[in-house]
Amino acid sequence: MDALLESGEFTPPALDHFEDCVDWSIQLGRGRVFADLWELERFAGCPNCFAERRLRLDRTNREQKFFHECNAAALTIDFMSVDSRFV
């Protein structure tokens, strides 16, 4: 991955994309979903709200519920427009 990153062929995921995927997966209700929080700070783009966002993901892991994100992290997935054939 490091070589791909250096060559410009890979871009690490942003924390908001990670949160969107976890939230979307939880809302599907098709089983348990766990966000891997190991080295999560590598993906944080906003140092002001990272602690809040990490706590939110930890709570999501424990309670298996969708919780609204902090104001700085806007959702990028419109859950209602996802085609169920691809879920």
Protein backbone atom coordinates (compact mmCIF):
# COMPACT_ATOMS: atom_id res chain seq x y z
CA MET A 1 0.00 0.00 0.00
CA ASP A 2 2.89 2.35 0.73
CA ALA A 3 4.25 1.94 -2.80
CA LEU A 4 0.81 2.62 -4.27
CA LEU A 5 0.45 5.66 -2.05
CA GLU A 6 3.83 7.00 -3.18
CA SER A 7 2.96 6.45 -6.85
CA GLY A 8 -0.39 8.21 -6.44
CA GLU A 9 -2.40 5.06 -7.21
CA PHE A 10 -3.90 4.83 -3.73
CA THR A 11 -5.58 7.38 -1.50
CA PRO A 12 -6.23 6.45 2.13
CA PRO A 13 -9.89 6.61 3.12
CA ALA A 14 -11.11 9.67 4.95
CA LEU A 15 -12.73 9.26 8.35
CA ASP A 16 -16.06 10.57 7.09
CA HIS A 17 -16.18 7.85 4.42
CA PHE A 18 -15.38 5.24 7.04
CA GLU A 19 -18.17 6.56 9.28
CA ASP A 20 -20.60 6.56 6.35
CA CYS A 21 -19.86 2.91 5.59
CA VAL A 22 -20.29 1.87 9.22
CA ASP A 23 -23.54 3.82 9.55
CA TRP A 24 -24.92 2.46 6.29
CA SER A 25 -24.03 -1.10 7.29
CA ILE A 26 -25.68 -0.70 10.70
CA GLN A 27 -28.86 0.65 9.11
CA LEU A 28 -29.09 -2.39 6.83
CA GLY A 29 -29.86 -4.47 9.90
CA ARG A 30 -28.35 -7.62 8.43
CA GLY A 31 -26.04 -8.55 11.27
CA ARG A 32 -23.53 -7.05 13.62
CA VAL A 33 -21.09 -4.43 12.35
CA PHE A 34 -17.85 -3.46 14.05
CA ALA A 35 -15.62 -0.52 13.18
CA ASP A 36 -11.93 -1.25 13.67
CA LEU A 37 -10.69 1.70 15.72
CA TRP A 38 -7.01 0.69 15.65
CA GLU A 39 -4.94 3.68 14.46
CA LEU A 40 -8.14 5.52 13.54
CA GLU A 41 -6.40 8.87 14.03
CA ARG A 42 -4.48 8.22 10.79
CA PHE A 43 -7.70 8.93 8.90
CA ALA A 44 -8.86 11.95 10.89
CA GLY A 45 -8.97 15.15 8.89
CA CYS A 46 -10.46 17.30 11.65
CA PRO A 47 -8.46 17.43 14.89
CA ASN A 48 -11.20 19.47 16.57
CA CYS A 49 -13.79 16.71 16.50
CA PHE A 50 -11.72 13.51 16.30
CA ALA A 51 -12.26 12.52 19.94
CA GLU A 52 -16.03 12.94 19.56
CA ARG A 53 -16.06 10.94 16.35
CA ARG A 54 -13.99 8.12 17.87
CA LEU A 55 -16.36 7.94 20.85
CA ARG A 56 -19.32 7.83 18.47
CA LEU A 57 -17.82 4.89 16.57
CA ASP A 58 -17.01 3.12 19.83
CA ARG A 59 -20.61 3.60 20.97
CA THR A 60 -21.85 2.33 17.61
CA ASN A 61 -19.71 -0.80 18.07
CA ARG A 62 -21.16 -1.44 21.52
CA GLU A 63 -24.81 -0.58 20.90
CA GLN A 64 -25.13 -1.49 17.20
CA LYS A 65 -27.16 1.66 16.52
CA PHE A 66 -26.80 4.61 14.20
CA PHE A 67 -25.81 7.84 15.98
CA HIS A 68 -25.66 11.18 14.24
CA GLU A 69 -22.17 12.41 13.53
CA CYS A 70 -20.55 15.60 14.76
CA ASN A 71 -21.34 18.79 12.87
CA ALA A 72 -18.00 18.73 11.05
CA ALA A 73 -18.64 15.34 9.47
CA ALA A 74 -21.33 15.48 6.81
CA LEU A 75 -22.68 12.19 5.48
CA THR A 76 -21.70 11.45 1.91
CA ILE A 77 -24.06 8.51 1.35
CA ASP A 78 -27.74 9.08 0.76
CA PHE A 79 -29.14 5.95 2.43
CA MET A 80 -32.50 6.23 0.66
CA SER A 81 -30.94 6.23 -2.80
CA VAL A 82 -28.89 3.05 -2.41
CA ASP A 83 -30.07 0.41 -4.86
CA SER A 84 -31.02 -2.64 -2.81
CA ARG A 85 -29.73 -4.94 -5.55
CA PHE A 86 -26.20 -4.01 -4.50
CA VAL A 87 -26.70 -4.55 -0.78
